[in-house]
């Protein structure tokens, strides 16, 4: 299974997109994909689904969404698959788990690349830091879970990811400036604007890009006034 949440959410199994048949099933899939291979409590899922339904029968929304999503999983997995809908979306005491089968998650990759970049920064390896932090940023195609009307639990997850993204952006800019790549950095920051997206979360990232551009310009002016060499693009 491959999970992409850093932009419009996409979950695929064997290269086939899992398209949830109802808004509630889509919200359920997004909620489980936000915490893959871990139990998400029924109470959390029920609260999330309350934001994607107008049904007065709230107690029945979660079981129905589970059933409909498993029906779609059965179509994607096919008759000969070792994995079944009940093992991919498995019930556990108190909640449900989305079993990725050891698959890929862009959030996990983002966290791994960001962590490696931070460690490189701490030891003064700016080349390695810039490379790993840029890889982390490149995983984003828009705001996390773009298009999902998040509830309280997913909303907190989206906010945390957005804050991590801005932190990575700031550290990457510092690493690139330390390497004297101001000119190249200005061009790359302009390219990142397209992955900002709209809304409050996307707007916050675009504001981070704007501040980064101001930081680069201030760095350039300071170096110019001090007479420092600028031939490398700083």
Protein backbone atom coordinates (compact mmCIF):
# COMPACT_ATOMS: atom_id res chain seq x y z
CA UNK A 1 0.00 0.00 0.00
CA UNK A 2 1.13 3.53 -0.78
CA UNK A 3 -0.23 6.49 1.18
CA UNK A 4 0.08 10.10 0.10
CA UNK A 5 -1.29 12.74 2.46
CA UNK A 6 0.98 15.74 1.77
CA UNK A 7 -1.43 17.28 -0.70
CA UNK A 8 -4.60 15.71 -2.03
CA UNK A 9 -4.88 12.35 -0.23
CA UNK A 10 -4.29 9.22 -2.32
CA UNK A 11 -4.18 5.63 -1.11
CA UNK A 12 -3.25 2.89 -3.57
CA UNK A 13 -2.95 -0.88 -3.31
CA UNK A 14 -0.85 -2.63 -5.95
CA UNK A 15 -0.90 0.59 -7.94
CA UNK A 16 -4.71 0.81 -7.95
CA UNK A 17 -6.29 3.91 -6.46
CA UNK A 18 -8.70 3.18 -3.60
CA UNK A 19 -11.62 5.47 -4.33
CA UNK A 20 -13.96 5.56 -1.37
CA UNK A 21 -17.62 5.25 -2.50
CA UNK A 22 -19.10 7.78 -0.05
CA UNK A 23 -17.92 10.96 1.70
CA UNK A 24 -18.01 9.12 5.01
CA UNK A 25 -15.87 6.26 3.65
CA UNK A 26 -13.43 8.79 2.17
CA UNK A 27 -13.16 10.55 5.52
CA UNK A 28 -12.66 7.20 7.25
CA UNK A 29 -9.88 6.24 4.83
CA UNK A 30 -8.15 9.59 5.36
CA UNK A 31 -8.40 9.24 9.13
CA UNK A 32 -6.93 5.74 9.13
CA UNK A 33 -4.25 6.70 6.60
CA UNK A 34 -3.15 9.54 8.88
CA UNK A 35 -2.10 6.96 11.45
CA UNK A 36 -1.25 3.82 9.42
CA UNK A 37 -0.56 0.50 11.13
CA UNK A 38 -1.86 1.91 14.41
CA UNK A 39 -5.20 1.55 16.17
CA UNK A 40 -7.39 4.61 15.74
CA UNK A 41 -10.07 4.60 18.46
CA UNK A 42 -13.71 4.25 17.45
CA UNK A 43 -14.57 7.41 19.40
CA UNK A 44 -12.03 9.40 17.36
CA UNK A 45 -13.33 8.01 14.07
CA UNK A 46 -16.94 8.65 15.06
CA UNK A 47 -16.15 12.28 15.91
CA UNK A 48 -14.37 12.72 12.58
CA UNK A 49 -17.22 11.22 10.57
CA UNK A 50 -19.69 13.52 12.27
CA UNK A 51 -18.09 16.29 10.21
CA UNK A 52 -18.83 14.60 6.90
CA UNK A 53 -22.44 13.53 7.38
CA UNK A 54 -25.79 15.10 8.09
CA UNK A 55 -27.34 11.79 9.08
CA UNK A 56 -29.27 11.80 12.37
CA UNK A 57 -28.17 8.18 12.92
CA UNK A 58 -24.62 8.96 14.02
CA UNK A 59 -24.20 5.61 15.75
CA UNK A 60 -24.56 3.82 12.39
CA UNK A 61 -22.26 6.04 10.32
CA UNK A 62 -18.95 4.41 11.30
CA UNK A 63 -20.01 0.77 10.77
CA UNK A 64 -21.57 1.72 7.43
CA UNK A 65 -18.42 3.55 6.33
CA UNK A 66 -16.29 0.55 7.32
CA UNK A 67 -18.53 -1.81 5.35
CA UNK A 68 -18.54 0.39 2.24
CA UNK A 69 -14.76 0.90 2.34
CA UNK A 70 -14.19 -2.85 2.70
CA UNK A 71 -16.41 -3.44 -0.32
CA UNK A 72 -14.17 -1.13 -2.32
CA UNK A 73 -11.05 -2.84 -0.94
CA UNK A 74 -12.44 -6.21 -2.09
CA UNK A 75 -12.67 -4.85 -5.64
CA UNK A 76 -9.12 -3.51 -5.54
CA UNK A 77 -7.54 -6.57 -3.92
CA UNK A 78 -9.17 -9.12 -6.19
CA UNK A 79 -10.09 -12.73 -5.48
CA UNK A 80 -6.56 -14.14 -5.46
CA UNK A 81 -5.01 -11.70 -3.00
CA UNK A 82 -3.48 -12.92 0.26
CA UNK A 83 -4.58 -9.66 1.85
CA UNK A 84 -8.31 -9.37 2.48
CA UNK A 85 -10.53 -6.36 3.21
CA UNK A 86 -10.80 -7.52 6.81
CA UNK A 87 -7.01 -7.69 7.26
CA UNK A 88 -6.31 -4.43 5.44
CA UNK A 89 -8.99 -2.59 7.40
CA UNK A 90 -8.99 -4.64 10.55
CA UNK A 91 -11.11 -4.27 13.67
CA UNK A 92 -9.20 -4.20 16.94
CA UNK A 93 -10.43 -3.79 20.52
CA UNK A 94 -11.70 -0.23 20.71
CA UNK A 95 -10.89 0.80 17.15
CA UNK A 96 -9.66 0.06 13.63
CA UNK A 97 -6.28 -0.25 11.86
CA UNK A 98 -5.26 0.37 8.27
CA UNK A 99 -2.59 -2.27 7.59
CA UNK A 100 -0.18 -1.02 4.93
CA UNK A 101 1.60 -4.35 4.58
CA UNK A 102 4.92 -2.54 5.01
CA UNK A 103 4.07 -0.04 2.29
CA UNK A 104 5.11 3.56 1.71
CA UNK A 105 3.84 6.67 3.47
CA UNK A 106 4.90 10.14 2.34
CA UNK A 107 4.45 11.43 5.90
CA UNK A 108 6.92 8.87 7.18
CA UNK A 109 9.36 9.80 4.41
CA UNK A 110 8.94 13.48 5.25
CA UNK A 111 9.68 12.84 8.91
CA UNK A 112 12.70 10.67 8.04
CA UNK A 113 14.20 13.23 5.63
CA UNK A 114 13.50 16.12 7.99
CA UNK A 115 15.09 14.30 10.92
CA UNK A 116 18.21 13.55 8.87
CA UNK A 117 18.37 17.20 7.81
CA UNK A 118 18.11 18.47 11.37
CA UNK A 119 20.86 16.14 12.54
CA UNK A 120 23.10 17.30 9.70
CA UNK A 121 22.44 20.93 10.67
CA UNK A 122 23.38 20.24 14.27
CA UNK A 123 26.81 18.95 13.24
CA UNK A 124 27.40 21.74 10.73
CA UNK A 125 27.06 19.60 7.60
CA UNK A 126 25.12 22.17 5.60
CA UNK A 127 25.44 20.34 2.29
CA UNK A 128 23.80 17.22 3.68
CA UNK A 129 21.25 19.27 5.59
CA UNK A 130 20.22 21.24 2.50
CA UNK A 131 19.86 18.07 0.44
CA UNK A 132 17.75 16.16 2.97
CA UNK A 133 15.55 19.10 3.94
CA UNK A 134 14.86 19.89 0.28
CA UNK A 135 13.84 16.27 -0.26
CA UNK A 136 11.42 16.61 2.64
CA UNK A 137 9.85 19.72 1.12
CA UNK A 138 9.63 18.10 -2.32
CA UNK A 139 7.20 15.50 -0.97
CA UNK A 140 4.51 18.16 -0.59
CA UNK A 141 2.14 18.96 -3.46
CA UNK A 142 -0.24 21.14 -1.42
CA UNK A 143 -1.63 21.41 2.13
CA UNK A 144 -1.82 18.08 3.97
CA UNK A 145 -5.09 16.21 3.38
CA UNK A 146 -6.15 18.84 0.88
CA UNK A 147 -9.87 18.63 0.15
CA UNK A 148 -10.84 16.77 3.35
CA UNK A 149 -13.21 18.55 5.75
CA UNK A 150 -11.23 17.61 8.81
CA UNK A 151 -12.66 17.16 12.27
CA UNK A 152 -10.87 17.87 15.57
CA UNK A 153 -8.45 14.93 15.48
CA UNK A 154 -7.44 15.20 11.83
CA UNK A 155 -7.35 18.98 12.16
CA UNK A 156 -4.75 18.71 14.90
CA UNK A 157 -2.72 16.33 12.74
CA UNK A 158 -2.88 18.69 9.75
CA UNK A 159 -1.83 21.65 11.92
CA UNK A 160 1.17 19.72 13.28
CA UNK A 161 2.30 18.69 9.80
CA UNK A 162 1.94 22.27 8.56
CA UNK A 163 4.09 23.53 11.45
CA UNK A 164 6.71 20.87 10.70
CA UNK A 165 6.72 21.89 7.04
CA UNK A 166 7.36 25.53 7.92
CA UNK A 167 10.15 24.53 10.31
CA UNK A 168 11.81 22.45 7.59
CA UNK A 169 11.50 25.39 5.19
CA UNK A 170 13.24 27.72 7.64
CA UNK A 171 16.07 25.29 8.33
CA UNK A 172 16.57 24.57 4.64
CA UNK A 173 16.88 28.28 3.90
CA UNK A 174 19.52 28.65 6.62
CA UNK A 175 21.48 25.69 5.25
CA UNK A 176 21.40 27.06 1.71
CA UNK A 177 22.47 30.53 2.86
CA UNK A 178 25.34 29.01 4.79
CA UNK A 179 26.47 27.44 1.50
CA UNK A 180 26.26 30.76 -0.36
CA UNK A 181 23.40 29.79 -2.65
CA UNK A 182 21.23 32.85 -2.31
CA UNK A 183 20.51 33.30 -6.03
CA UNK A 184 19.50 29.67 -6.54
CA UNK A 185 17.49 29.78 -3.35
CA UNK A 186 15.37 32.70 -4.56
CA UNK A 187 14.42 30.70 -7.65
CA UNK A 188 13.54 27.60 -5.65
CA UNK A 189 11.42 29.58 -3.21
CA UNK A 190 9.43 30.96 -6.12
CA UNK A 191 8.85 27.39 -7.28
CA UNK A 192 7.58 26.35 -3.85
CA UNK A 193 4.72 28.84 -4.04
CA UNK A 194 2.81 26.48 -6.31
CA UNK A 195 2.69 23.83 -3.59
CA UNK A 196 1.34 26.25 -1.01
CA UNK A 197 -2.31 25.87 -1.84
CA UNK A 198 -5.22 27.88 -0.52
CA UNK A 199 -7.05 28.16 2.76
CA UNK A 200 -5.71 28.91 6.20
CA UNK A 201 -3.08 26.14 6.27
CA UNK A 202 -1.89 26.73 2.71
CA UNK A 203 -1.81 30.47 3.32
CA UNK A 204 0.38 29.95 6.37
CA UNK A 205 2.94 28.11 4.24
CA UNK A 206 2.90 30.84 1.61
CA UNK A 207 3.52 33.34 4.38
CA UNK A 208 6.48 31.21 5.43
CA UNK A 209 7.80 31.33 1.86
CA UNK A 210 7.39 35.11 1.82
CA UNK A 211 9.35 35.45 5.05
CA UNK A 212 12.03 33.14 3.70
CA UNK A 213 12.34 35.38 0.62
CA UNK A 214 12.73 38.38 2.91
CA UNK A 215 15.40 36.50 4.88
CA UNK A 216 17.32 35.76 1.66
CA UNK A 217 17.12 39.38 0.53
CA UNK A 218 18.26 40.67 3.92
CA UNK A 219 21.17 38.24 3.80
CA UNK A 220 22.13 39.48 0.33
CA UNK A 221 21.99 43.14 1.38
CA UNK A 222 24.06 42.50 4.51
CA UNK A 223 26.76 40.68 2.57
CA UNK A 224 26.80 43.37 -0.10
CA UNK A 225 27.25 46.16 2.45
CA UNK A 226 29.95 44.29 4.31
CA UNK A 227 31.89 43.74 1.11
CA UNK A 228 31.66 39.95 1.34
CA UNK A 229 32.05 38.05 -1.94
CA UNK A 230 28.73 37.43 -3.69
CA UNK A 231 30.00 35.54 -6.73
CA UNK A 232 28.44 32.30 -5.51
CA UNK A 233 24.97 33.80 -5.65
CA UNK A 234 24.60 34.81 -2.00
